[in-house]
């Protein structure tokens, strides 16, 4: 497999895993109700991750930039 393709798939996997983790934390927050330890700001950040991640096209997810300075 070409290195560029492998990196692209790894980036997509990382984005997918981030979204899944955020959804899981939000689900735990919802079920904990007033007992949740998450702040309003933490919940907002998680919701942004889910919303932005679901709206990002596969092409945009595959763009990774490295600097070798």
N, C-alpha and C. Protein backbone atom coordinates (compact mmCIF):
# COMPACT_ATOMS: atom_id res chain seq x y z
N UNK A 1 0.86 -1.18 0.00
CA UNK A 1 0.00 0.00 0.00
C UNK A 1 0.90 1.24 0.00
N UNK A 2 0.52 2.18 -0.77
CA UNK A 2 1.26 3.42 -0.89
C UNK A 2 1.20 4.18 0.43
N UNK A 3 2.31 4.81 0.83
CA UNK A 3 2.39 5.53 2.10
C UNK A 3 1.34 6.63 2.21
N UNK A 4 1.11 7.37 1.12
CA UNK A 4 0.13 8.46 1.15
C UNK A 4 -1.27 7.92 1.45
N UNK A 5 -1.63 6.80 0.83
CA UNK A 5 -2.94 6.21 1.08
C UNK A 5 -3.05 5.71 2.52
N UNK A 6 -1.97 5.12 3.01
CA UNK A 6 -1.99 4.62 4.38
C UNK A 6 -2.16 5.76 5.38
N UNK A 7 -1.46 6.87 5.14
CA UNK A 7 -1.61 8.04 6.01
C UNK A 7 -3.02 8.59 5.94
N UNK A 8 -3.60 8.58 4.74
CA UNK A 8 -4.96 9.09 4.59
C UNK A 8 -5.94 8.26 5.40
N UNK A 9 -5.79 6.94 5.34
CA UNK A 9 -6.70 6.07 6.10
C UNK A 9 -6.48 6.22 7.59
N UNK A 10 -5.25 6.41 8.03
CA UNK A 10 -4.97 6.62 9.44
C UNK A 10 -5.62 7.91 9.93
N UNK A 11 -5.57 8.95 9.12
CA UNK A 11 -6.19 10.22 9.49
C UNK A 11 -7.70 10.08 9.58
N UNK A 12 -8.29 9.38 8.65
CA UNK A 12 -9.74 9.15 8.69
C UNK A 12 -10.10 8.35 9.93
N UNK A 13 -9.31 7.34 10.26
CA UNK A 13 -9.55 6.55 11.47
C UNK A 13 -9.45 7.41 12.72
N UNK A 14 -8.47 8.30 12.77
CA UNK A 14 -8.31 9.17 13.94
C UNK A 14 -9.52 10.08 14.09
N UNK A 15 -9.99 10.63 12.98
CA UNK A 15 -11.15 11.51 13.03
C UNK A 15 -12.38 10.74 13.47
N UNK A 16 -12.57 9.55 12.93
CA UNK A 16 -13.71 8.71 13.30
C UNK A 16 -13.65 8.35 14.77
N UNK A 17 -12.47 7.99 15.27
CA UNK A 17 -12.32 7.64 16.68
C UNK A 17 -12.59 8.83 17.59
N UNK A 18 -12.17 10.01 17.18
CA UNK A 18 -12.42 11.22 17.96
C UNK A 18 -13.92 11.49 18.06
N UNK A 19 -14.62 11.33 16.95
CA UNK A 19 -16.07 11.55 16.94
C UNK A 19 -16.77 10.51 17.83
N UNK A 20 -16.36 9.26 17.72
CA UNK A 20 -16.97 8.21 18.53
C UNK A 20 -16.74 8.45 20.01
N UNK A 21 -15.54 8.87 20.38
CA UNK A 21 -15.22 9.15 21.77
C UNK A 21 -16.06 10.31 22.30
N UNK A 22 -16.22 11.36 21.47
CA UNK A 22 -17.03 12.51 21.87
C UNK A 22 -18.49 12.10 22.06
N UNK A 23 -19.01 11.29 21.15
CA UNK A 23 -20.39 10.82 21.27
C UNK A 23 -20.58 10.00 22.54
N UNK A 24 -19.58 9.16 22.85
CA UNK A 24 -19.67 8.32 24.05
C UNK A 24 -19.68 9.19 25.31
N UNK A 25 -18.81 10.20 25.36
CA UNK A 25 -18.77 11.09 26.52
C UNK A 25 -20.08 11.86 26.67
N UNK A 26 -20.66 12.29 25.55
CA UNK A 26 -21.95 12.99 25.60
C UNK A 26 -23.06 12.07 26.08
N UNK A 27 -23.03 10.82 25.66
CA UNK A 27 -24.02 9.84 26.11
C UNK A 27 -23.91 9.61 27.61
N UNK A 28 -22.67 9.49 28.11
CA UNK A 28 -22.46 9.32 29.56
C UNK A 28 -22.95 10.55 30.31
N UNK A 29 -22.69 11.74 29.75
CA UNK A 29 -23.12 12.99 30.37
C UNK A 29 -24.64 13.04 30.46
N UNK A 30 -25.29 12.65 29.38
CA UNK A 30 -26.75 12.67 29.34
C UNK A 30 -27.35 11.71 30.37
N UNK A 31 -26.79 10.52 30.47
CA UNK A 31 -27.34 9.53 31.41
C UNK A 31 -27.02 9.89 32.86
N UNK A 32 -25.93 10.63 33.10
CA UNK A 32 -25.58 11.03 34.46
C UNK A 32 -26.44 12.19 34.94
N UNK A 33 -26.95 12.96 34.00
CA UNK A 33 -27.82 14.08 34.36
C UNK A 33 -27.10 15.10 35.22
N UNK A 34 -27.71 15.51 36.33
CA UNK A 34 -27.12 16.53 37.20
C UNK A 34 -25.87 16.02 37.91
N UNK A 35 -25.64 14.74 37.91
CA UNK A 35 -24.46 14.15 38.54
C UNK A 35 -23.24 14.18 37.63
N UNK A 36 -23.39 14.64 36.40
CA UNK A 36 -22.29 14.67 35.45
C UNK A 36 -21.19 15.63 35.92
N UNK A 37 -19.96 15.25 35.66
CA UNK A 37 -18.82 16.08 36.05
C UNK A 37 -18.38 17.02 34.93
N UNK A 38 -19.00 16.92 33.75
CA UNK A 38 -18.63 17.78 32.63
C UNK A 38 -19.21 19.18 32.80
N UNK A 39 -18.40 20.18 32.47
CA UNK A 39 -18.90 21.55 32.50
C UNK A 39 -19.66 21.84 31.21
N UNK A 40 -20.33 22.96 31.19
CA UNK A 40 -21.07 23.38 30.00
C UNK A 40 -20.10 23.56 28.83
N UNK A 41 -18.92 24.09 29.12
CA UNK A 41 -17.93 24.32 28.08
C UNK A 41 -17.39 23.02 27.51
N UNK A 42 -17.17 22.03 28.37
CA UNK A 42 -16.70 20.73 27.90
C UNK A 42 -17.74 20.06 27.01
N UNK A 43 -18.99 20.16 27.40
CA UNK A 43 -20.08 19.59 26.60
C UNK A 43 -20.16 20.30 25.25
N UNK A 44 -20.02 21.62 25.26
CA UNK A 44 -20.07 22.39 24.01
C UNK A 44 -18.93 21.97 23.07
N UNK A 45 -17.73 21.77 23.63
CA UNK A 45 -16.59 21.34 22.80
C UNK A 45 -16.84 19.96 22.20
N UNK A 46 -17.41 19.07 23.00
CA UNK A 46 -17.71 17.72 22.50
C UNK A 46 -18.75 17.78 21.39
N UNK A 47 -19.78 18.60 21.59
CA UNK A 47 -20.81 18.74 20.57
C UNK A 47 -20.23 19.33 19.28
N UNK A 48 -19.32 20.27 19.41
CA UNK A 48 -18.67 20.84 18.23
C UNK A 48 -17.86 19.79 17.48
N UNK A 49 -17.15 18.94 18.23
CA UNK A 49 -16.37 17.87 17.59
C UNK A 49 -17.27 16.95 16.79
N UNK A 50 -18.41 16.60 17.37
CA UNK A 50 -19.33 15.70 16.68
C UNK A 50 -19.91 16.37 15.45
N UNK A 51 -20.39 17.59 15.60
CA UNK A 51 -21.02 18.29 14.48
C UNK A 51 -20.03 18.58 13.35
N UNK A 52 -18.86 19.08 13.71
CA UNK A 52 -17.86 19.40 12.69
C UNK A 52 -17.32 18.13 12.03
N UNK A 53 -17.10 17.12 12.82
CA UNK A 53 -16.57 15.86 12.29
C UNK A 53 -17.51 15.20 11.32
N UNK A 54 -18.81 15.28 11.59
CA UNK A 54 -19.78 14.66 10.69
C UNK A 54 -19.95 15.47 9.41
N UNK A 55 -19.62 16.76 9.45
CA UNK A 55 -19.80 17.62 8.28
C UNK A 55 -18.56 17.70 7.41
N UNK A 56 -17.45 17.17 7.89
CA UNK A 56 -16.21 17.23 7.12
C UNK A 56 -16.21 16.12 6.09
N UNK A 57 -15.93 16.48 4.86
CA UNK A 57 -15.91 15.47 3.80
C UNK A 57 -14.68 14.59 3.96
N UNK A 58 -14.70 13.43 3.34
CA UNK A 58 -13.58 12.51 3.42
C UNK A 58 -12.31 13.14 2.87
N UNK A 59 -12.44 13.94 1.83
CA UNK A 59 -11.27 14.59 1.22
C UNK A 59 -10.63 15.56 2.22
N UNK A 60 -11.45 16.33 2.92
CA UNK A 60 -10.91 17.28 3.89
C UNK A 60 -10.26 16.55 5.05
N UNK A 61 -10.79 15.42 5.46
CA UNK A 61 -10.22 14.66 6.55
C UNK A 61 -8.84 14.11 6.20
N UNK A 62 -8.63 13.87 4.93
CA UNK A 62 -7.38 13.23 4.52
C UNK A 62 -6.23 14.22 4.36
N UNK A 63 -6.49 15.49 4.54
CA UNK A 63 -5.43 16.47 4.38
C UNK A 63 -4.68 16.63 5.69
N UNK A 64 -3.41 16.25 5.65
CA UNK A 64 -2.54 16.38 6.81
C UNK A 64 -1.29 17.11 6.36
N UNK A 65 -0.86 18.06 7.14
CA UNK A 65 0.32 18.82 6.78
C UNK A 65 1.40 18.62 7.83
N UNK A 66 2.62 18.38 7.38
CA UNK A 66 3.76 18.19 8.26
C UNK A 66 4.81 19.24 7.94
N UNK A 67 5.49 19.69 8.96
CA UNK A 67 6.60 20.60 8.78
C UNK A 67 7.86 19.93 9.33
N UNK A 68 8.91 19.93 8.54
CA UNK A 68 10.13 19.26 8.96
C UNK A 68 11.23 20.29 9.29
N UNK A 69 10.86 21.37 9.95
CA UNK A 69 11.85 22.42 10.28
C UNK A 69 12.63 22.05 11.50
